[in-house]
Amino acid sequence: MTDKLPAAAGKLAENHPDVWKSYAAFGKAIAEAGPLDARTRRLVNLALAIGGRSEGAVHSHARQALAEGLEKSDLEHVALLAMTTLGFPQGVAGLSWIKDVTD
Protein backbone atom coordinates (compact mmCIF):
# COMPACT_ATOMS: atom_id res chain seq x y z
CA MET A 1 0.00 0.00 0.00
CA THR A 2 2.77 2.47 0.85
CA ASP A 3 4.30 2.16 -2.63
CA LYS A 4 1.28 4.03 -4.07
CA LEU A 5 1.51 6.92 -1.60
CA PRO A 6 3.46 10.15 -2.11
CA ALA A 7 6.92 9.85 -0.55
CA ALA A 8 6.18 11.68 2.71
CA ALA A 9 2.90 9.86 3.29
CA GLY A 10 4.54 6.55 2.41
CA LYS A 11 7.25 7.14 5.02
CA LEU A 12 4.62 8.04 7.61
CA ALA A 13 2.70 4.85 6.81
CA GLU A 14 5.89 2.77 7.08
CA ASN A 15 7.19 4.37 10.26
CA HIS A 16 3.86 4.79 12.05
CA PRO A 17 1.43 2.18 10.69
CA ASP A 18 -1.08 2.62 13.53
CA VAL A 19 -1.26 6.37 12.89
CA TRP A 20 -1.67 5.77 9.15
CA LYS A 21 -4.38 3.16 9.73
CA SER A 22 -6.31 5.60 11.93
CA TYR A 23 -5.85 8.42 9.43
CA ALA A 24 -7.07 6.23 6.56
CA ALA A 25 -10.12 5.15 8.58
CA PHE A 26 -10.86 8.82 9.38
CA GLY A 27 -10.68 9.69 5.68
CA LYS A 28 -12.99 6.81 4.78
CA ALA A 29 -15.53 7.87 7.42
CA ILE A 30 -15.48 11.44 6.11
CA ALA A 31 -15.94 10.30 2.51
CA GLU A 32 -18.94 8.21 3.51
CA ALA A 33 -20.50 10.89 5.76
CA GLY A 34 -22.30 12.78 3.00
CA PRO A 35 -24.16 12.46 -0.27
CA LEU A 36 -21.38 13.40 -2.70
CA ASP A 37 -20.32 10.74 -5.18
CA ALA A 38 -16.68 9.72 -5.61
CA ARG A 39 -16.11 11.89 -8.70
CA THR A 40 -17.44 15.00 -6.99
CA ARG A 41 -15.43 14.30 -3.83
CA ARG A 42 -12.24 13.97 -5.89
CA LEU A 43 -12.86 17.30 -7.66
CA VAL A 44 -13.68 19.01 -4.35
CA ASN A 45 -10.48 17.63 -2.81
CA LEU A 46 -8.52 18.88 -5.81
CA ALA A 47 -10.06 22.33 -5.42
CA LEU A 48 -9.27 22.36 -1.70
CA ALA A 49 -5.67 21.38 -2.43
CA ILE A 50 -5.35 24.25 -4.91
CA GLY A 51 -6.92 26.63 -2.39
CA GLY A 52 -4.61 25.37 0.33
CA ARG A 53 -1.59 25.98 -1.93
CA SER A 54 -0.50 22.39 -1.48
CA GLU A 55 1.41 21.38 -4.58
CA GLY A 56 1.91 17.84 -3.30
CA ALA A 57 -1.79 17.37 -2.59
CA VAL A 58 -2.70 18.74 -6.03
CA HIS A 59 -0.30 16.24 -7.61
CA SER A 60 -1.77 13.42 -5.51
CA HIS A 61 -5.41 14.26 -6.23
CA ALA A 62 -4.67 14.77 -9.93
CA ARG A 63 -2.97 11.34 -10.15
CA GLN A 64 -5.83 9.69 -8.29
CA ALA A 65 -8.43 11.46 -10.43
CA LEU A 66 -6.83 10.22 -13.65
CA ALA A 67 -6.62 6.69 -12.22
CA GLU A 68 -10.32 6.91 -11.38
CA GLY A 69 -11.20 7.84 -14.96
CA LEU A 70 -11.57 11.60 -14.74
CA GLU A 71 -10.40 13.55 -17.75
CA LYS A 72 -7.55 16.04 -17.89
CA SER A 73 -10.12 18.67 -18.91
CA ASP A 74 -12.08 18.02 -15.67
CA LEU A 75 -9.00 18.77 -13.60
CA GLU A 76 -8.04 21.83 -15.60
CA HIS A 77 -11.56 23.20 -15.23
CA VAL A 78 -11.18 23.07 -11.44
CA ALA A 79 -8.02 25.20 -11.70
CA LEU A 80 -9.77 27.66 -14.01
CA LEU A 81 -12.65 27.97 -11.54
CA ALA A 82 -10.11 28.70 -8.81
CA MET A 83 -9.01 31.85 -10.63
CA THR A 84 -12.17 33.81 -9.83
CA THR A 85 -12.34 32.72 -6.19
CA LEU A 86 -8.67 32.46 -5.20
CA GLY A 87 -7.11 34.83 -7.69
CA PHE A 88 -5.42 34.46 -11.03
CA PRO A 89 -1.96 33.56 -9.65
CA GLN A 90 -3.30 30.73 -7.47
CA GLY A 91 -5.43 29.36 -10.30
CA VAL A 92 -2.42 29.41 -12.63
CA ALA A 93 -0.31 27.67 -9.98
CA GLY A 94 -3.00 24.99 -9.61
CA LEU A 95 -3.12 24.55 -13.36
CA SER A 96 0.66 24.17 -13.55
CA TRP A 97 0.63 21.58 -10.72
CA ILE A 98 -2.08 19.62 -12.54
CA LYS A 99 -0.03 19.77 -15.75
CA ASP A 100 2.94 18.36 -13.83
CA VAL A 101 0.90 15.17 -13.66
CA THR A 102 -1.08 15.25 -16.90
CA ASP A 103 1.60 16.37 -19.38
PDB file of N, CA and C in Angstrom:
ATOM      1  N   MET A   1       0.815  -1.196   0.000  1.00  0.00           N
ATOM      2  CA  MET A   1       0.000   0.000   0.000  1.00  0.00           C
ATOM      3  C   MET A   1       0.857   1.258   0.000  1.00  0.00           C
ATOM      4  N   THR A   2       1.948   1.270   0.744  1.00  0.00           N
ATOM      5  CA  THR A   2       2.770   2.467   0.850  1.00  0.00           C
ATOM      6  C   THR A   2       3.495   2.810  -0.434  1.00  0.00           C
ATOM      7  N   ASP A   3       3.631   1.861  -1.372  1.00  0.00           N
ATOM      8  CA  ASP A   3       4.302   2.157  -2.628  1.00  0.00           C
ATOM      9  C   ASP A   3       3.454   3.035  -3.537  1.00  0.00           C
ATOM     10  N   LYS A   4       2.159   3.195  -3.269  1.00  0.00           N
ATOM     11  CA  LYS A   4       1.277   4.030  -4.071  1.00  0.00           C
ATOM     12  C   LYS A   4       1.109   5.422  -3.463  1.00  0.00           C
ATOM     13  N   LEU A   5       1.645   5.642  -2.284  1.00  0.00           N
ATOM     14  CA  LEU A   5       1.512   6.921  -1.603  1.00  0.00           C
ATOM     15  C   LEU A   5       2.626   7.870  -2.016  1.00  0.00           C
ATOM     16  N   PRO A   6       2.355   9.204  -1.934  1.00  0.00           N
ATOM     17  CA  PRO A   6       3.456  10.145  -2.110  1.00  0.00           C
ATOM     18  C   PRO A   6       4.546   9.840  -1.083  1.00  0.00           C
ATOM     19  N   ALA A   7       5.763  10.236  -1.368  1.00  0.00           N
ATOM     20  CA  ALA A   7       6.921   9.850  -0.551  1.00  0.00           C
ATOM     21  C   ALA A   7       6.725  10.137   0.930  1.00  0.00           C
ATOM     22  N   ALA A   8       6.310  11.329   1.293  1.00  0.00           N
ATOM     23  CA  ALA A   8       6.177  11.685   2.712  1.00  0.00           C
ATOM     24  C   ALA A   8       5.096  10.851   3.386  1.00  0.00           C
ATOM     25  N   ALA A   9       3.977  10.666   2.711  1.00  0.00           N
ATOM     26  CA  ALA A   9       2.897   9.857   3.286  1.00  0.00           C
ATOM     27  C   ALA A   9       3.324   8.394   3.379  1.00  0.00           C
ATOM     28  N   GLY A  10       4.053   7.928   2.390  1.00  0.00           N
ATOM     29  CA  GLY A  10       4.543   6.552   2.412  1.00  0.00           C
ATOM     30  C   GLY A  10       5.474   6.304   3.588  1.00  0.00           C
ATOM     31  N   LYS A  11       6.342   7.268   3.866  1.00  0.00           N
ATOM     32  CA  LYS A  11       7.245   7.138   5.017  1.00  0.00           C
ATOM     33  C   LYS A  11       6.455   7.138   6.318  1.00  0.00           C
ATOM     34  N   LEU A  12       5.455   8.013   6.411  1.00  0.00           N
ATOM     35  CA  LEU A  12       4.616   8.038   7.609  1.00  0.00           C
ATOM     36  C   LEU A  12       3.940   6.689   7.804  1.00  0.00           C
ATOM     37  N   ALA A  13       3.391   6.146   6.730  1.00  0.00           N
ATOM     38  CA  ALA A  13       2.702   4.855   6.810  1.00  0.00           C
ATOM     39  C   ALA A  13       3.663   3.743   7.219  1.00  0.00           C
ATOM     40  N   GLU A  14       4.887   3.783   6.713  1.00  0.00           N
ATOM     41  CA  GLU A  14       5.890   2.769   7.081  1.00  0.00           C
ATOM     42  C   GLU A  14       6.336   2.906   8.532  1.00  0.00           C
ATOM     43  N   ASN A  15       6.627   4.126   8.929  1.00  0.00           N
ATOM     44  CA  ASN A  15       7.191   4.370  10.259  1.00  0.00           C
ATOM     45  C   ASN A  15       6.162   4.383  11.383  1.00  0.00           C
ATOM     46  N   HIS A  16       4.909   4.693  11.045  1.00  0.00           N
ATOM     47  CA  HIS A  16       3.856   4.794  12.051  1.00  0.00           C
ATOM     48  C   HIS A  16       2.571   4.148  11.516  1.00  0.00           C
ATOM     49  N   PRO A  17       2.578   2.842  11.326  1.00  0.00           N
ATOM     50  CA  PRO A  17       1.430   2.181  10.695  1.00  0.00           C
ATOM     51  C   PRO A  17       0.120   2.359  11.456  1.00  0.00           C
ATOM     52  N   ASP A  18       0.169   2.427  12.773  1.00  0.00           N
ATOM     53  CA  ASP A  18      -1.078   2.623  13.530  1.00  0.00           C
ATOM     54  C   ASP A  18      -1.666   4.006  13.279  1.00  0.00           C
ATOM     55  N   VAL A  19      -0.795   5.013  13.191  1.00  0.00           N
ATOM     56  CA  VAL A  19      -1.258   6.369  12.887  1.00  0.00           C
ATOM     57  C   VAL A  19      -1.859   6.396  11.490  1.00  0.00           C
ATOM     58  N   TRP A  20      -1.165   5.777  10.530  1.00  0.00           N
ATOM     59  CA  TRP A  20      -1.668   5.767   9.152  1.00  0.00           C
ATOM     60  C   TRP A  20      -3.003   5.038   9.056  1.00  0.00           C
ATOM     61  N   LYS A  21      -3.129   3.928   9.751  1.00  0.00           N
ATOM     62  CA  LYS A  21      -4.377   3.165   9.732  1.00  0.00           C
ATOM     63  C   LYS A  21      -5.528   4.015  10.274  1.00  0.00           C
ATOM     64  N   SER A  22      -5.288   4.730  11.346  1.00  0.00           N
ATOM     65  CA  SER A  22      -6.313   5.595  11.929  1.00  0.00           C
ATOM     66  C   SER A  22      -6.658   6.747  10.984  1.00  0.00           C
ATOM     67  N   TYR A  23      -5.634   7.324  10.373  1.00  0.00           N
ATOM     68  CA  TYR A  23      -5.849   8.424   9.432  1.00  0.00           C
ATOM     69  C   TYR A  23      -6.674   7.946   8.231  1.00  0.00           C
ATOM     70  N   ALA A  24      -6.342   6.786   7.703  1.00  0.00           N
ATOM     71  CA  ALA A  24      -7.073   6.231   6.555  1.00  0.00           C
ATOM     72  C   ALA A  24      -8.525   5.943   6.930  1.00  0.00           C
ATOM     73  N   ALA A  25      -8.748   5.426   8.121  1.00  0.00           N
ATOM     74  CA  ALA A  25     -10.123   5.153   8.581  1.00  0.00           C
ATOM     75  C   ALA A  25     -10.903   6.458   8.735  1.00  0.00           C
ATOM     76  N   PHE A  26     -10.234   7.504   9.237  1.00  0.00           N
ATOM     77  CA  PHE A  26     -10.855   8.817   9.377  1.00  0.00           C
ATOM     78  C   PHE A  26     -11.277   9.343   8.001  1.00  0.00           C
ATOM     79  N   GLY A  27     -10.377   9.246   7.030  1.00  0.00           N
ATOM     80  CA  GLY A  27     -10.684   9.694   5.676  1.00  0.00           C
ATOM     81  C   GLY A  27     -11.843   8.930   5.058  1.00  0.00           C
ATOM     82  N   LYS A  28     -11.891   7.629   5.293  1.00  0.00           N
ATOM     83  CA  LYS A  28     -12.989   6.805   4.777  1.00  0.00           C
ATOM     84  C   LYS A  28     -14.312   7.221   5.409  1.00  0.00           C
ATOM     85  N   ALA A  29     -14.303   7.459   6.718  1.00  0.00           N
ATOM     86  CA  ALA A  29     -15.527   7.872   7.418  1.00  0.00           C
ATOM     87  C   ALA A  29     -16.019   9.216   6.890  1.00  0.00           C
ATOM     88  N   ILE A  30     -15.096  10.134   6.643  1.00  0.00           N
ATOM     89  CA  ILE A  30     -15.480  11.442   6.112  1.00  0.00           C
ATOM     90  C   ILE A  30     -16.076  11.293   4.720  1.00  0.00           C
ATOM     91  N   ALA A  31     -15.447  10.500   3.874  1.00  0.00           N
ATOM     92  CA  ALA A  31     -15.940  10.305   2.507  1.00  0.00           C
ATOM     93  C   ALA A  31     -17.349   9.733   2.501  1.00  0.00           C
ATOM     94  N   GLU A  32     -17.638   8.872   3.457  1.00  0.00           N
ATOM     95  CA  GLU A  32     -18.943   8.213   3.509  1.00  0.00           C
ATOM     96  C   GLU A  32     -19.988   8.999   4.310  1.00  0.00           C
ATOM     97  N   ALA A  33     -19.607  10.132   4.876  1.00  0.00           N
ATOM     98  CA  ALA A  33     -20.500  10.892   5.756  1.00  0.00           C
ATOM     99  C   ALA A  33     -21.542  11.721   5.015  1.00  0.00           C
ATOM    100  N   GLY A  34     -21.376  11.902   3.728  1.00  0.00           N
ATOM    101  CA  GLY A  34     -22.296  12.775   3.003  1.00  0.00           C
ATOM    102  C   GLY A  34     -22.755  12.180   1.693  1.00  0.00           C
ATOM    103  N   PRO A  35     -23.524  12.966   0.946  1.00  0.00           N
ATOM    104  CA  PRO A  35     -24.158  12.464  -0.266  1.00  0.00           C
ATOM    105  C   PRO A  35     -23.319  12.580  -1.543  1.00  0.00           C
ATOM    106  N   LEU A  36     -22.145  13.190  -1.477  1.00  0.00           N
ATOM    107  CA  LEU A  36     -21.377  13.395  -2.702  1.00  0.00           C
ATOM    108  C   LEU A  36     -20.827  12.077  -3.243  1.00  0.00           C
ATOM    109  N   ASP A  37     -20.884  11.947  -4.562  1.00  0.00           N
ATOM    110  CA  ASP A  37     -20.324  10.744  -5.181  1.00  0.00           C
ATOM    111  C   ASP A  37     -18.805  10.862  -5.260  1.00  0.00           C
ATOM    112  N   ALA A  38     -18.137   9.780  -5.613  1.00  0.00           N
ATOM    113  CA  ALA A  38     -16.676   9.716  -5.609  1.00  0.00           C
ATOM    114  C   ALA A  38     -16.057  10.748  -6.550  1.00  0.00           C
ATOM    115  N   ARG A  39     -16.637  10.930  -7.731  1.00  0.00           N
ATOM    116  CA  ARG A  39     -16.107  11.890  -8.700  1.00  0.00           C
ATOM    117  C   ARG A  39     -16.153  13.298  -8.126  1.00  0.00           C
ATOM    118  N   THR A  40     -17.285  13.663  -7.567  1.00  0.00           N
ATOM    119  CA  THR A  40     -17.442  14.999  -6.991  1.00  0.00           C
ATOM    120  C   THR A  40     -16.482  15.197  -5.822  1.00  0.00           C
ATOM    121  N   ARG A  41     -16.361  14.193  -4.961  1.00  0.00           N
ATOM    122  CA  ARG A  41     -15.431  14.295  -3.829  1.00  0.00           C
ATOM    123  C   ARG A  41     -14.001  14.518  -4.322  1.00  0.00           C
ATOM    124  N   ARG A  42     -13.597  13.821  -5.374  1.00  0.00           N
ATOM    125  CA  ARG A  42     -12.239  13.972  -5.888  1.00  0.00           C
ATOM    126  C   ARG A  42     -12.019  15.390  -6.399  1.00  0.00           C
ATOM    127  N   LEU A  43     -12.999  15.941  -7.131  1.00  0.00           N
ATOM    128  CA  LEU A  43     -12.858  17.297  -7.655  1.00  0.00           C
ATOM    129  C   LEU A  43     -12.850  18.326  -6.533  1.00  0.00           C
ATOM    130  N   VAL A  44     -13.673  18.115  -5.511  1.00  0.00           N
ATOM    131  CA  VAL A  44     -13.676  19.012  -4.349  1.00  0.00           C
ATOM    132  C   VAL A  44     -12.315  18.950  -3.653  1.00  0.00           C
ATOM    133  N   ASN A  45     -11.787  17.755  -3.460  1.00  0.00           N
ATOM    134  CA  ASN A  45     -10.481  17.626  -2.815  1.00  0.00           C
ATOM    135  C   ASN A  45      -9.384  18.298  -3.640  1.00  0.00           C
ATOM    136  N   LEU A  46      -9.480  18.199  -4.948  1.00  0.00           N
ATOM    137  CA  LEU A  46      -8.515  18.882  -5.808  1.00  0.00           C
ATOM    138  C   LEU A  46      -8.628  20.391  -5.624  1.00  0.00           C
ATOM    139  N   ALA A  47      -9.844  20.891  -5.610  1.00  0.00           N
ATOM    140  CA  ALA A  47     -10.058  22.329  -5.422  1.00  0.00           C
ATOM    141  C   ALA A  47      -9.529  22.791  -4.061  1.00  0.00           C
ATOM    142  N   LEU A  48      -9.767  21.998  -3.028  1.00  0.00           N
ATOM    143  CA  LEU A  48      -9.266  22.357  -1.702  1.00  0.00           C
ATOM    144  C   LEU A  48      -7.743  22.358  -1.674  1.00  0.00           C
ATOM    145  N   ALA A  49      -7.129  21.425  -2.371  1.00  0.00           N
ATOM    146  CA  ALA A  49      -5.670  21.376  -2.431  1.00  0.00           C
ATOM    147  C   ALA A  49      -5.120  22.613  -3.135  1.00  0.00           C
ATOM    148  N   ILE A  50      -5.775  23.028  -4.216  1.00  0.00           N
ATOM    149  CA  ILE A  50      -5.354  24.250  -4.909  1.00  0.00           C
ATOM    150  C   ILE A  50      -5.517  25.438  -3.969  1.00  0.00           C
ATOM    151  N   GLY A  51      -6.662  25.527  -3.307  1.00  0.00           N
ATOM    152  CA  GLY A  51      -6.922  26.627  -2.388  1.00  0.00           C
ATOM    153  C   GLY A  51      -5.964  26.651  -1.211  1.00  0.00           C
ATOM    154  N   GLY A  52      -5.547  25.475  -0.775  1.00  0.00           N
ATOM    155  CA  GLY A  52      -4.613  25.374   0.327  1.00  0.00           C
ATOM    156  C   GLY A  52      -3.164  25.536  -0.097  1.00  0.00           C
ATOM    157  N   ARG A  53      -2.943  25.785  -1.376  1.00  0.00           N
ATOM    158  CA  ARG A  53      -1.594  25.982  -1.927  1.00  0.00           C
ATOM    159  C   ARG A  53      -0.678  24.788  -1.657  1.00  0.00           C
ATOM    160  N   SER A  54      -1.267  23.608  -1.751  1.00  0.00           N
ATOM    161  CA  SER A  54      -0.503  22.387  -1.482  1.00  0.00           C
ATOM    162  C   SER A  54      -0.177  21.675  -2.787  1.00  0.00           C
ATOM    163  N   GLU A  55       0.991  21.965  -3.314  1.00  0.00           N
ATOM    164  CA  GLU A  55       1.411  21.377  -4.582  1.00  0.00           C
ATOM    165  C   GLU A  55       1.388  19.853  -4.521  1.00  0.00           C
ATOM    166  N   GLY A  56       1.884  19.289  -3.434  1.00  0.00           N
ATOM    167  CA  GLY A  56       1.913  17.839  -3.297  1.00  0.00           C
ATOM    168  C   GLY A  56       0.514  17.239  -3.302  1.00  0.00           C
ATOM    169  N   ALA A  57      -0.420  17.877  -2.616  1.00  0.00           N
ATOM    170  CA  ALA A  57      -1.792  17.369  -2.587  1.00  0.00           C
ATOM    171  C   ALA A  57      -2.452  17.506  -3.955  1.00  0.00           C
ATOM    172  N   VAL A  58      -2.161  18.597  -4.667  1.00  0.00           N
ATOM    173  CA  VAL A  58      -2.696  18.743  -6.029  1.00  0.00           C
ATOM    174  C   VAL A  58      -2.173  17.612  -6.906  1.00  0.00           C
ATOM    175  N   HIS A  59      -0.870  17.343  -6.828  1.00  0.00           N
ATOM    176  CA  HIS A  59      -0.300  16.235  -7.606  1.00  0.00           C
ATOM    177  C   HIS A  59      -1.004  14.924  -7.251  1.00  0.00           C
ATOM    178  N   SER A  60      -1.162  14.671  -5.967  1.00  0.00           N
ATOM    179  CA  SER A  60      -1.771  13.419  -5.512  1.00  0.00           C
ATOM    180  C   SER A  60      -3.211  13.291  -5.990  1.00  0.00           C
ATOM    181  N   HIS A  61      -4.005  14.346  -5.812  1.00  0.00           N
ATOM    182  CA  HIS A  61      -5.409  14.261  -6.230  1.00  0.00           C
ATOM    183  C   HIS A  61      -5.539  14.196  -7.743  1.00  0.00           C
ATOM    184  N   ALA A  62      -4.637  14.854  -8.467  1.00  0.00           N
ATOM    185  CA  ALA A  62      -4.668  14.765  -9.930  1.00  0.00           C
ATOM    186  C   ALA A  62      -4.344  13.341 -10.385  1.00  0.00           C
ATOM    187  N   ARG A  63      -3.314  12.734  -9.801  1.00  0.00           N
ATOM    188  CA  ARG A  63      -2.973  11.343 -10.153  1.00  0.00           C
ATOM    189  C   ARG A  63      -4.137  10.406  -9.849  1.00  0.00           C
ATOM    190  N   GLN A  64      -4.722  10.558  -8.668  1.00  0.00           N
ATOM    191  CA  GLN A  64      -5.829   9.685  -8.286  1.00  0.00           C
ATOM    192  C   GLN A  64      -7.038   9.903  -9.205  1.00  0.00           C
ATOM    193  N   ALA A  65      -7.294  11.156  -9.551  1.00  0.00           N
ATOM    194  CA  ALA A  65      -8.429  11.464 -10.427  1.00  0.00           C
ATOM    195  C   ALA A  65      -8.263  10.783 -11.785  1.00  0.00           C
ATOM    196  N   LEU A  66      -7.080  10.873 -12.353  1.00  0.00           N
ATOM    197  CA  LEU A  66      -6.832  10.223 -13.646  1.00  0.00           C
ATOM    198  C   LEU A  66      -6.991   8.710 -13.525  1.00  0.00           C
ATOM    199  N   ALA A  67      -6.496   8.138 -12.440  1.00  0.00           N
ATOM    200  CA  ALA A  67      -6.621   6.691 -12.224  1.00  0.00           C
ATOM    201  C   ALA A  67      -8.079   6.276 -12.059  1.00  0.00           C
ATOM    202  N   GLU A  68      -8.900   7.187 -11.586  1.00  0.00           N
ATOM    203  CA  GLU A  68     -10.323   6.910 -11.382  1.00  0.00           C
ATOM    204  C   GLU A  68     -11.158   7.216 -12.625  1.00  0.00           C
ATOM    205  N   GLY A  69     -10.499   7.637 -13.702  1.00  0.00           N
ATOM    206  CA  GLY A  69     -11.203   7.842 -14.961  1.00  0.00           C
ATOM    207  C   GLY A  69     -11.622   9.267 -15.262  1.00  0.00           C
ATOM    208  N   LEU A  70     -11.265  10.214 -14.420  1.00  0.00           N
ATOM    209  CA  LEU A  70     -11.572  11.601 -14.737  1.00  0.00           C
ATOM    210  C   LEU A  70     -10.673  12.057 -15.871  1.00  0.00           C
ATOM    211  N   GLU A  71     -11.141  13.042 -16.597  1.00  0.00           N
ATOM    212  CA  GLU A  71     -10.403  13.553 -17.748  1.00  0.00           C
ATOM    213  C   GLU A  71      -9.502  14.717 -17.338  1.00  0.00           C
ATOM    214  N   LYS A  72      -8.444  14.903 -18.094  1.00  0.00           N
ATOM    215  CA  LYS A  72      -7.549  16.042 -17.890  1.00  0.00           C
ATOM    216  C   LYS A  72      -8.343  17.343 -17.901  1.00  0.00           C
ATOM    217  N   SER A  73      -9.317  17.445 -18.803  1.00  0.00           N
ATOM    218  CA  SER A  73     -10.119  18.666 -18.906  1.00  0.00           C
ATOM    219  C   SER A  73     -10.936  18.918 -17.637  1.00  0.00           C
ATOM    220  N   ASP A  74     -11.365  17.862 -16.941  1.00  0.00           N
ATOM    221  CA  ASP A  74     -12.084  18.024 -15.668  1.00  0.00           C
ATOM    222  C   ASP A  74     -11.181  18.711 -14.644  1.00  0.00           C
ATOM    223  N   LEU A  75      -9.948  18.239 -14.572  1.00  0.00           N
ATOM    224  CA  LEU A  75      -8.995  18.765 -13.595  1.00  0.00           C
ATOM    225  C   LEU A  75      -8.628  20.206 -13.921  1.00  0.00           C
ATOM    226  N   GLU A  76      -8.390  20.478 -15.186  1.00  0.00           N
ATOM    227  CA  GLU A  76      -8.038  21.834 -15.598  1.00  0.00           C
ATOM    228  C   GLU A  76      -9.185  22.804 -15.333  1.00  0.00           C
ATOM    229  N   HIS A  77     -10.409  22.343 -15.490  1.00  0.00           N
ATOM    230  CA  HIS A  77     -11.559  23.203 -15.230  1.00  0.00           C
ATOM    231  C   HIS A  77     -11.591  23.635 -13.762  1.00  0.00           C
ATOM    232  N   VAL A  78     -11.240  22.725 -12.858  1.00  0.00           N
ATOM    233  CA  VAL A  78     -11.180  23.069 -11.437  1.00  0.00           C
ATOM    234  C   VAL A  78     -10.186  24.213 -11.221  1.00  0.00           C
ATOM    235  N   ALA A  79      -9.019  24.136 -11.852  1.00  0.00           N
ATOM    236  CA  ALA A  79      -8.021  25.198 -11.701  1.00  0.00           C
ATOM    237  C   ALA A  79      -8.516  26.511 -12.294  1.00  0.00           C
ATOM    238  N   LEU A  80      -9.210  26.441 -13.419  1.00  0.00           N
ATOM    239  CA  LEU A  80      -9.765  27.660 -14.012  1.00  0.00           C
ATOM    240  C   LEU A  80     -10.805  28.287 -13.079  1.00  0.00           C
ATOM    241  N   LEU A  81     -11.648  27.461 -12.486  1.00  0.00           N
ATOM    242  CA  LEU A  81     -12.646  27.966 -11.541  1.00  0.00           C
ATOM    243  C   LEU A  81     -11.987  28.626 -10.328  1.00  0.00           C
ATOM    244  N   ALA A  82     -10.828  28.130  -9.952  1.00  0.00           N
ATOM    245  CA  ALA A  82     -10.106  28.703  -8.813  1.00  0.00           C
ATOM    246  C   ALA A  82      -9.689  30.145  -9.064  1.00  0.00           C
ATOM    247  N   MET A  83      -9.506  30.504 -10.313  1.00  0.00           N
ATOM    248  CA  MET A  83      -9.008  31.848 -10.633  1.00  0.00           C
ATOM    249  C   MET A  83      -9.939  32.947 -10.151  1.00  0.00           C
ATOM    250  N   THR A  84     -11.240  32.749 -10.242  1.00  0.00           N
ATOM    251  CA  THR A  84     -12.171  33.810  -9.834  1.00  0.00           C
ATOM    252  C   THR A  84     -12.368  33.860  -8.320  1.00  0.00           C
ATOM    253  N   THR A  85     -12.155  32.766  -7.641  1.00  0.00           N
ATOM    254  CA  THR A  85     -12.335  32.722  -6.195  1.00  0.00           C
ATOM    255  C   THR A  85     -11.035  32.990  -5.451  1.00  0.00           C
ATOM    256  N   LEU A  86      -9.948  32.378  -5.901  1.00  0.00           N
ATOM    257  CA  LEU A  86      -8.670  32.456  -5.195  1.00  0.00           C
ATOM    258  C   LEU A  86      -7.721  33.491  -5.788  1.00  0.00           C
ATOM    259  N   GLY A  87      -7.989  33.894  -6.994  1.00  0.00           N
ATOM    260  CA  GLY A  87      -7.113  34.832  -7.686  1.00  0.00           C
ATOM    261  C   GLY A  87      -6.394  34.156  -8.830  1.00  0.00           C
ATOM    262  N   PHE A  88      -6.064  34.961  -9.820  1.00  0.00           N
ATOM    263  CA  PHE A  88      -5.421  34.461 -11.026  1.00  0.00           C
ATOM    264  C   PHE A  88      -4.122  33.714 -10.725  1.00  0.00           C
ATOM    265  N   PRO A  89      -3.228  34.269  -9.894  1.00  0.00           N
ATOM    266  CA  PRO A  89      -1.962  33.556  -9.648  1.00  0.00           C
ATOM    267  C   PRO A  89      -2.159  32.169  -9.030  1.00  0.00           C
ATOM    268  N   GLN A  90      -3.094  32.031  -8.102  1.00  0.00           N
ATOM    269  CA  GLN A  90      -3.299  30.727  -7.475  1.00  0.00           C
ATOM    270  C   GLN A  90      -3.928  29.741  -8.447  1.00  0.00           C
ATOM    271  N   GLY A  91      -4.846  30.222  -9.282  1.00  0.00           N
ATOM    272  CA  GLY A  91      -5.428  29.356 -10.300  1.00  0.00           C
ATOM    273  C   GLY A  91      -4.389  28.874 -11.297  1.00  0.00           C
ATOM    274  N   VAL A  92      -3.490  29.779 -11.699  1.00  0.00           N
ATOM    275  CA  VAL A  92      -2.422  29.409 -12.633  1.00  0.00           C
ATOM    276  C   VAL A  92      -1.479  28.412 -11.966  1.00  0.00           C
ATOM    277  N   ALA A  93      -1.159  28.630 -10.699  1.00  0.00           N
ATOM    278  CA  ALA A  93      -0.307  27.674  -9.983  1.00  0.00           C
ATOM    279  C   ALA A  93      -0.972  26.299  -9.960  1.00  0.00           C
ATOM    280  N   GLY A  94      -2.268  26.263  -9.625  1.00  0.00           N
ATOM    281  CA  GLY A  94      -2.999  24.993  -9.607  1.00  0.00           C
ATOM    282  C   GLY A  94      -2.969  24.314 -10.966  1.00  0.00           C
ATOM    283  N   LEU A  95      -3.158  25.103 -11.998  1.00  0.00           N
ATOM    284  CA  LEU A  95      -3.120  24.555 -13.361  1.00  0.00           C
ATOM    285  C   LEU A  95      -1.737  23.979 -13.673  1.00  0.00           C
ATOM    286  N   SER A  96      -0.690  24.676 -13.267  1.00  0.00           N
ATOM    287  CA  SER A  96       0.656  24.166 -13.548  1.00  0.00           C
ATOM    288  C   SER A  96       0.931  22.894 -12.755  1.00  0.00           C
ATOM    289  N   TRP A  97       0.430  22.793 -11.521  1.00  0.00           N
ATOM    290  CA  TRP A  97       0.628  21.582 -10.718  1.00  0.00           C
ATOM    291  C   TRP A  97      -0.125  20.400 -11.325  1.00  0.00           C
ATOM    292  N   ILE A  98      -1.316  20.674 -11.859  1.00  0.00           N
ATOM    293  CA  ILE A  98      -2.080  19.619 -12.545  1.00  0.00           C
ATOM    294  C   ILE A  98      -1.307  19.154 -13.780  1.00  0.00           C
ATOM    295  N   LYS A  99      -0.782  20.113 -14.539  1.00  0.00           N
ATOM    296  CA  LYS A  99      -0.027  19.775 -15.755  1.00  0.00           C
ATOM    297  C   LYS A  99       1.252  18.997 -15.440  1.00  0.00           C
ATOM    298  N   ASP A 100       1.802  19.181 -14.233  1.00  0.00           N
ATOM    299  CA  ASP A 100       2.944  18.355 -13.835  1.00  0.00           C
ATOM    300  C   ASP A 100       2.609  16.873 -13.922  1.00  0.00           C
ATOM    301  N   VAL A 101       1.344  16.557 -13.673  1.00  0.00           N
ATOM    302  CA  VAL A 101       0.896  15.165 -13.658  1.00  0.00           C
ATOM    303  C   VAL A 101       0.328  14.742 -15.008  1.00  0.00           C
ATOM    304  N   THR A 102      -0.365  15.648 -15.686  1.00  0.00           N
ATOM    305  CA  THR A 102      -1.078  15.254 -16.900  1.00  0.00           C
ATOM    306  C   THR A 102      -0.249  15.364 -18.173  1.00  0.00           C
ATOM    307  N   ASP A 103       0.803  16.162 -18.169  1.00  0.00           N
ATOM    308  CA  ASP A 103       1.604  16.372 -19.380  1.00  0.00           C
ATOM    309  C   ASP A 103       2.899  15.587 -19.340  1.00  0.00           C
TER     310      ASP A 103
END
